Amino acid sequence: MRRWDTLLDGYIAWCETCGLKPETLRTRQMQLERLGSWLKRRRPRIALEDVDSTLLVQFIKQRTAFHAKSTVSGVVSTLRLMGEHLVREGVWLKNPMRWIRGPRLDWMRRPPRRIGREDLTRLWDAAQKFREEHMRHLSVAMLALLYSTGLRRGEIARLNMEDWMGDQRLLRIDGRKTGQERQVPVSDAVWRCLEAYLTHRHNKLEKLGRLEERSLFIGRQGQRVSGQSLGVWVHRLAQMAQVPLVSLHQFRHSCASDLLESGVSLPQVQQILGHAAITSTVRYLQIADPSRKEAIAKHPINEFLENHPVEERRAA
C-alpha cells in the first residue's frame, strides 16, 4: 500500500500542531496503525486510492465486535478525520468516511460515578501521611483542588504560577478543552491549602536551584506534574486509603453532584466546571437533585401511611 506509514506520520504531526493531548495522539495513532496493518494483510493487495466505504465498514465491524458503542464511535471518528487528511494530501478525491455515521450515544444512560464522603475522608487522611513535607502539602493541595473545583486532569497539569491569583482567591483556567478561558474561585479553606503548599514549593525549588520553574504543581525533582503522573498519584493514594477509585474524573463528578445537593444552581455549577453546554451539567441531576427529594416528600403515600400505620406483629 502506497505511503501509508508516511501519511500517518504526517497526520499525527499535523494533530500535534493543533495542540491535541499526547494521550489523544497515542490513541489515534494506535487506531490508524491497526487500520494500516489490516489493509496491508488484504489479499489481493489493494491500493490506498482504491479503498472505499465498503472496505472501511468491514474493518470497523471486525475492530469493534463486542465493544461498547463509545468505542465504535471513537473508531469511526478517527477514521473520518484521517480520511479528511488523505483528501488534503490528494490521495482520495472524496472522503468515504464522511457519510458513515457512528452509533448514537446516550450520555444520560449511565449516571456519573461519585466518591462517597467516607472515601473522601480516607483519601484526605492518606494524603497527610506522606513523610516528606513537600509531597504531603502537594497531595493535600491537589486533593482539595480536585474536589472543590472539579478541574480536569489536563487543566491542573497546565496550571502555572501566574494562573494563581491568591489575593483574589481565583484560579485562571485555560480554554484548551472548551475554547474559552475561565476563572474559578476557591474557598478560604482551599486557599490556605494552596498557600501552605506554595511555601514548600519555593523551598523545594530553591534547594534544587530551579526557581525559574513556572508550573504551579511540581514533583520531587522540581518538574511539572503531568496529567499522567497526576493519575498515577491519585490511584496510589486510593490504594493507600483502600478506596475503590475508578478514575480521576470521579472527583469532577463528586464536585458537581455535591454542589447541586447543597443547593447551588445548575448555571453556577456549569460555570465552575467549564461546560460549554448546560446539557453536560444536567446529567448530574440523575444522582443529585434536591427538587426530586422535595417532590417525593409531597407524595400522597406519606399522608396515607400516617393515617394507616402498619401494625407490627410479634413473634409467638
Protein backbone atom coordinates (compact mmCIF):
# COMPACT_ATOMS: atom_id res chain seq x y z
CA MET A 1 0.00 0.00 0.00
CA ARG A 2 1.39 3.33 -1.08
CA ARG A 3 2.94 5.62 1.56
CA TRP A 4 0.58 4.69 4.44
CA ASP A 5 3.23 5.00 7.17
CA THR A 6 4.46 8.32 5.80
CA LEU A 7 0.94 9.67 5.53
CA LEU A 8 0.17 8.54 9.07
CA ASP A 9 3.28 10.26 10.43
CA GLY A 10 2.26 13.42 8.60
CA TYR A 11 -1.25 13.28 10.05
CA ILE A 12 -0.01 12.80 13.63
CA ALA A 13 2.42 15.71 13.17
CA TRP A 14 -0.47 17.86 11.95
CA CYS A 15 -2.52 16.85 15.02
CA GLU A 16 0.36 17.91 17.26
CA THR A 17 0.29 21.39 15.74
CA CYS A 18 -3.40 21.56 16.67
CA GLY A 19 -2.46 21.20 20.34
CA LEU A 20 -4.01 17.77 20.97
CA LYS A 21 -3.06 15.98 24.17
CA PRO A 22 -0.40 13.22 23.98
CA GLU A 23 -2.98 10.68 25.17
CA THR A 24 -5.29 11.59 22.27
CA LEU A 25 -2.42 11.39 19.79
CA ARG A 26 -1.42 7.93 21.01
CA THR A 27 -4.99 6.66 20.75
CA ARG A 28 -5.40 7.97 17.21
CA GLN A 29 -2.06 6.59 16.09
CA MET A 30 -2.85 3.18 17.55
CA GLN A 31 -6.22 3.02 15.79
CA LEU A 32 -4.76 4.08 12.43
CA GLU A 33 -1.82 1.68 12.72
CA ARG A 34 -4.36 -1.11 13.14
CA LEU A 35 -6.16 0.03 10.01
CA GLY A 36 -2.87 0.16 8.10
CA SER A 37 -1.90 -3.37 9.20
CA TRP A 38 -5.37 -4.65 8.32
CA LEU A 39 -5.21 -3.13 4.82
CA LYS A 40 -1.69 -4.45 4.21
CA ARG A 41 -2.82 -8.00 5.02
CA ARG A 42 -5.61 -7.89 2.45
CA ARG A 43 -5.25 -10.33 -0.45
CA PRO A 44 -5.22 -9.49 -3.26
CA ARG A 45 -3.36 -6.31 -2.31
CA ILE A 46 -5.31 -3.12 -2.71
CA ALA A 47 -4.02 0.36 -3.42
CA LEU A 48 -4.82 3.05 -0.88
CA GLU A 49 -6.52 5.08 -3.61
CA ASP A 50 -8.98 2.22 -4.14
CA VAL A 51 -10.10 1.91 -0.51
CA ASP A 52 -13.84 2.59 -0.34
CA SER A 53 -16.59 2.78 2.25
CA THR A 54 -17.44 -0.93 1.93
CA LEU A 55 -13.91 -1.93 2.88
CA LEU A 56 -13.78 0.53 5.75
CA VAL A 57 -17.09 -0.73 7.14
CA GLN A 58 -15.66 -4.27 7.14
CA PHE A 59 -12.69 -3.05 9.20
CA ILE A 60 -14.93 -1.20 11.64
CA LYS A 61 -17.08 -4.30 12.17
CA GLN A 62 -14.06 -6.51 12.86
CA ARG A 63 -12.31 -3.92 15.02
CA THR A 64 -15.32 -3.12 17.22
CA ALA A 65 -17.02 -6.52 17.52
CA PHE A 66 -18.34 -6.99 21.09
CA HIS A 67 -17.20 -3.47 22.06
CA ALA A 68 -19.21 -0.64 23.57
CA LYS A 69 -20.90 2.00 21.45
CA SER A 70 -18.43 4.60 22.65
CA THR A 71 -15.55 2.52 21.23
CA VAL A 72 -17.31 2.21 17.88
CA SER A 73 -17.96 5.94 17.81
CA GLY A 74 -14.30 6.69 18.60
CA VAL A 75 -13.02 4.45 15.79
CA VAL A 76 -15.42 5.96 13.26
CA SER A 77 -14.43 9.49 14.28
CA THR A 78 -10.70 8.72 13.99
CA LEU A 79 -11.10 7.17 10.53
CA ARG A 80 -13.20 10.11 9.38
CA LEU A 81 -10.52 12.61 10.44
CA MET A 82 -7.79 10.56 8.74
CA GLY A 83 -9.93 10.49 5.62
CA GLU A 84 -10.04 14.28 5.54
CA HIS A 85 -6.24 14.32 5.79
CA LEU A 86 -5.95 11.92 2.84
CA VAL A 87 -8.20 14.22 0.81
CA ARG A 88 -5.95 17.18 1.66
CA GLU A 89 -2.92 15.16 0.57
CA GLY A 90 -4.58 14.30 -2.75
CA VAL A 91 -4.73 10.53 -2.08
CA TRP A 92 -8.54 10.46 -2.10
CA LEU A 93 -10.81 12.64 -4.18
CA LYS A 94 -13.60 12.24 -1.62
CA ASN A 95 -13.63 11.01 1.95
CA PRO A 96 -15.70 7.77 2.04
CA MET A 97 -15.97 8.08 5.81
CA ARG A 98 -17.88 11.35 5.56
CA TRP A 99 -21.19 9.54 5.12
CA ILE A 100 -20.57 6.76 7.64
CA ARG A 101 -22.17 7.60 10.96
CA GLY A 102 -21.24 6.03 14.26
CA PRO A 103 -23.80 4.81 16.81
CA ARG A 104 -25.83 7.39 18.65
CA LEU A 105 -24.51 7.76 22.19
CA ASP A 106 -26.78 8.47 25.12
CA TRP A 107 -24.64 10.10 27.80
CA MET A 108 -27.64 10.18 30.15
CA ARG A 109 -27.93 6.39 30.16
CA ARG A 110 -25.27 5.80 32.81
CA PRO A 111 -25.14 8.03 35.91
CA PRO A 112 -21.74 9.57 36.72
CA ARG A 113 -19.81 7.81 39.47
CA ARG A 114 -19.04 9.91 42.51
CA ILE A 115 -16.83 9.42 45.57
CA GLY A 116 -18.61 9.00 48.90
CA ARG A 117 -17.88 11.20 51.90
CA GLU A 118 -16.25 8.36 53.83
CA ASP A 119 -13.92 7.58 50.93
CA LEU A 120 -13.01 11.26 50.59
CA THR A 121 -12.10 11.31 54.27
CA ARG A 122 -9.89 8.25 53.81
CA LEU A 123 -8.13 9.86 50.83
CA TRP A 124 -7.56 13.03 52.84
CA ASP A 125 -6.10 11.07 55.76
CA ALA A 126 -3.81 9.13 53.40
CA ALA A 127 -2.57 12.37 51.79
CA GLN A 128 -1.48 13.67 55.17
CA LYS A 129 0.59 10.57 55.95
CA PHE A 130 3.41 11.35 53.49
CA ARG A 131 6.59 11.90 55.49
CA GLU A 132 8.17 14.36 53.05
CA GLU A 133 6.71 17.81 53.72
CA HIS A 134 6.64 18.86 50.07
CA MET A 135 4.76 15.72 48.98
CA ARG A 136 2.36 15.98 51.92
CA HIS A 137 1.41 19.59 51.18
CA LEU A 138 1.32 18.89 47.42
CA SER A 139 -1.04 15.96 47.96
CA VAL A 140 -3.36 17.91 50.22
CA ALA A 141 -3.44 20.94 47.87
CA MET A 142 -4.19 18.89 44.74
CA LEU A 143 -6.78 16.77 46.54
CA ALA A 144 -8.53 19.91 47.81
CA LEU A 145 -8.44 21.46 44.34
CA LEU A 146 -9.72 18.34 42.56
CA TYR A 147 -12.74 18.01 44.82
CA SER A 148 -13.57 21.71 45.35
CA THR A 149 -13.31 22.90 41.73
CA GLY A 150 -13.80 19.74 39.63
CA LEU A 151 -10.86 20.67 37.41
CA ARG A 152 -9.93 18.25 34.65
CA ARG A 153 -6.62 16.40 34.76
CA GLY A 154 -5.07 18.46 31.97
CA GLU A 155 -6.30 21.73 33.43
CA ILE A 156 -4.48 21.06 36.70
CA ALA A 157 -1.32 19.87 34.94
CA ARG A 158 -1.16 23.05 32.81
CA LEU A 159 -1.54 25.48 35.72
CA ASN A 160 1.30 27.99 36.07
CA MET A 161 2.19 30.31 38.93
CA GLU A 162 0.67 33.31 37.15
CA ASP A 163 -2.66 31.45 36.97
CA TRP A 164 -2.98 31.60 40.77
CA MET A 165 -4.38 34.95 41.89
CA GLY A 166 -4.09 34.42 45.62
CA ASP A 167 -5.15 37.92 46.63
CA GLN A 168 -8.45 37.40 44.81
CA ARG A 169 -8.72 33.69 45.62
CA LEU A 170 -9.10 32.89 41.92
CA LEU A 171 -7.60 30.33 39.54
CA ARG A 172 -7.35 31.12 35.84
CA ILE A 173 -8.09 28.03 33.74
CA ASP A 174 -7.02 27.85 30.10
CA GLY A 175 -9.62 27.16 27.44
CA ARG A 176 -7.84 24.35 25.62
CA LYS A 177 -10.73 21.94 26.24
CA THR A 178 -13.69 24.28 25.70
CA GLY A 179 -12.09 27.12 23.71
CA GLN A 180 -12.98 29.62 26.44
CA GLU A 181 -10.81 30.69 29.36
CA ARG A 182 -12.49 30.91 32.77
CA GLN A 183 -11.75 31.93 36.33
CA VAL A 184 -12.68 29.60 39.19
CA PRO A 185 -12.97 30.88 42.78
CA VAL A 186 -11.66 28.82 45.70
CA SER A 187 -12.88 28.80 49.28
CA ASP A 188 -10.87 30.10 52.23
CA ALA A 189 -10.03 26.54 53.30
CA VAL A 190 -8.69 25.62 49.84
CA TRP A 191 -6.81 28.94 49.70
CA ARG A 192 -5.00 28.02 52.93
CA CYS A 193 -4.06 24.61 51.49
CA LEU A 194 -2.61 26.19 48.34
CA GLU A 195 -0.72 28.93 50.19
CA ALA A 196 0.80 26.38 52.58
CA TYR A 197 1.90 24.28 49.59
CA LEU A 198 3.43 27.29 47.80
CA THR A 199 5.79 27.89 50.72
CA HIS A 200 7.16 24.35 50.44
CA ARG A 201 7.20 24.62 46.63
CA HIS A 202 9.50 27.63 46.88
CA ASN A 203 11.79 25.85 49.37
CA LYS A 204 11.99 22.79 47.12
CA LEU A 205 12.87 24.81 44.01
CA GLU A 206 15.39 26.92 45.92
CA LYS A 207 17.11 23.76 47.13
CA LEU A 208 17.19 22.36 43.58
CA GLY A 209 18.28 25.66 42.03
CA ARG A 210 15.21 25.81 39.78
CA LEU A 211 13.45 28.96 40.92
CA GLU A 212 12.66 29.78 37.28
CA GLU A 213 10.13 26.90 37.11
CA ARG A 214 6.68 28.29 36.18
CA SER A 215 4.41 25.31 36.88
CA LEU A 216 2.17 25.57 39.89
CA PHE A 217 2.45 21.91 40.88
CA ILE A 218 5.90 20.32 40.86
CA GLY A 219 7.20 16.85 41.71
CA ARG A 220 10.14 15.70 43.80
CA GLN A 221 12.69 16.77 41.20
CA GLY A 222 11.11 20.16 40.61
CA GLN A 223 9.49 19.11 37.33
CA ARG A 224 5.93 19.88 36.26
CA VAL A 225 3.38 17.33 37.46
CA SER A 226 1.99 15.88 34.22
CA GLY A 227 -1.54 14.64 33.72
CA GLN A 228 -0.31 11.07 33.58
CA SER A 229 1.70 11.33 36.81
CA LEU A 230 -1.31 13.00 38.45
CA GLY A 231 -3.42 9.97 37.60
CA VAL A 232 -0.75 7.59 38.92
CA TRP A 233 -0.51 9.62 42.15
CA VAL A 234 -4.28 9.58 42.76
CA HIS A 235 -4.54 5.84 42.17
CA ARG A 236 -1.61 5.26 44.53
CA LEU A 237 -3.37 7.40 47.10
CA ALA A 238 -6.55 5.38 46.61
CA GLN A 239 -4.64 2.14 47.19
CA MET A 240 -3.11 3.53 50.39
CA ALA A 241 -6.56 4.58 51.61
CA GLN A 242 -8.20 1.35 50.37
CA VAL A 243 -10.68 3.36 48.31
CA PRO A 244 -12.11 1.73 45.15
CA LEU A 245 -11.35 4.70 42.90
CA VAL A 246 -12.39 4.07 39.29
CA SER A 247 -10.98 7.18 37.62
CA LEU A 248 -9.59 10.63 38.34
CA HIS A 249 -12.72 12.10 36.75
CA GLN A 250 -14.74 10.91 39.74
CA PHE A 251 -13.58 13.98 41.65
CA ARG A 252 -15.23 16.11 38.97
CA HIS A 253 -18.43 14.07 39.24
CA SER A 254 -18.36 14.37 43.02
CA CYS A 255 -17.80 18.13 42.89
CA ALA A 256 -20.75 18.68 40.55
CA SER A 257 -23.20 16.38 42.33
CA ASP A 258 -22.30 17.63 45.83
CA LEU A 259 -22.67 21.26 44.73
CA LEU A 260 -26.12 20.51 43.33
CA GLU A 261 -27.13 18.69 46.52
CA SER A 262 -26.01 21.74 48.52
CA GLY A 263 -28.45 23.92 46.58
CA VAL A 264 -26.07 25.53 44.05
CA SER A 265 -27.93 26.38 40.85
CA LEU A 266 -27.34 24.49 37.62
CA PRO A 267 -25.89 27.52 35.70
CA GLN A 268 -23.44 28.19 38.53
CA VAL A 269 -22.23 24.58 38.50
CA GLN A 270 -21.87 24.85 34.72
CA GLN A 271 -19.60 27.89 35.10
CA ILE A 272 -17.47 26.25 37.79
CA LEU A 273 -16.94 23.07 35.74
CA GLY A 274 -16.47 24.95 32.47
CA HIS A 275 -19.11 23.08 30.50
CA ALA A 276 -19.69 24.62 27.07
CA ALA A 277 -23.33 23.46 27.11
CA ILE A 278 -25.60 23.12 30.12
CA THR A 279 -26.74 19.72 28.84
CA SER A 280 -23.40 18.36 30.10
CA THR A 281 -24.25 19.64 33.59
CA VAL A 282 -27.84 18.37 33.55
CA ARG A 283 -26.67 14.75 33.65
CA TYR A 284 -25.58 15.25 37.26
CA LEU A 285 -29.21 15.71 38.23
CA GLN A 286 -29.52 11.94 37.93
CA ILE A 287 -27.53 11.49 41.14
CA ALA A 288 -28.05 14.84 42.90
CA ASP A 289 -31.33 16.71 42.61
CA PRO A 290 -32.76 18.30 45.79
CA SER A 291 -36.01 19.14 44.00
CA ARG A 292 -36.72 15.43 43.44
CA LYS A 293 -36.35 14.74 47.16
CA GLU A 294 -38.71 17.60 47.92
CA ALA A 295 -41.17 16.28 45.35
CA ILE A 296 -41.19 12.75 46.77
CA ALA A 297 -41.72 14.18 50.26
CA LYS A 298 -45.03 15.62 48.99
CA HIS A 299 -46.23 12.27 47.64
CA PRO A 300 -49.72 11.28 48.93
CA ILE A 301 -48.33 7.94 50.10
CA ASN A 302 -46.75 9.72 53.07
CA GLU A 303 -50.10 11.00 54.36
CA PHE A 304 -51.76 7.67 53.61
CA LEU A 305 -49.21 5.72 55.69
CA GLU A 306 -49.51 8.17 58.56
CA ASN A 307 -53.28 7.56 58.68
CA HIS A 308 -52.91 3.81 58.11
CA PRO A 309 -49.82 2.70 60.04
CA VAL A 310 -48.60 -0.85 59.56
CA GLU A 311 -49.09 -2.89 62.70
CA GLU A 312 -46.06 -4.83 63.85
CA ARG A 313 -46.71 -8.47 64.63
CA ARG A 314 -44.86 -10.00 67.49
CA ALA A 315 -43.37 -13.42 67.04
CA ALA A 316 -45.20 -16.12 69.01
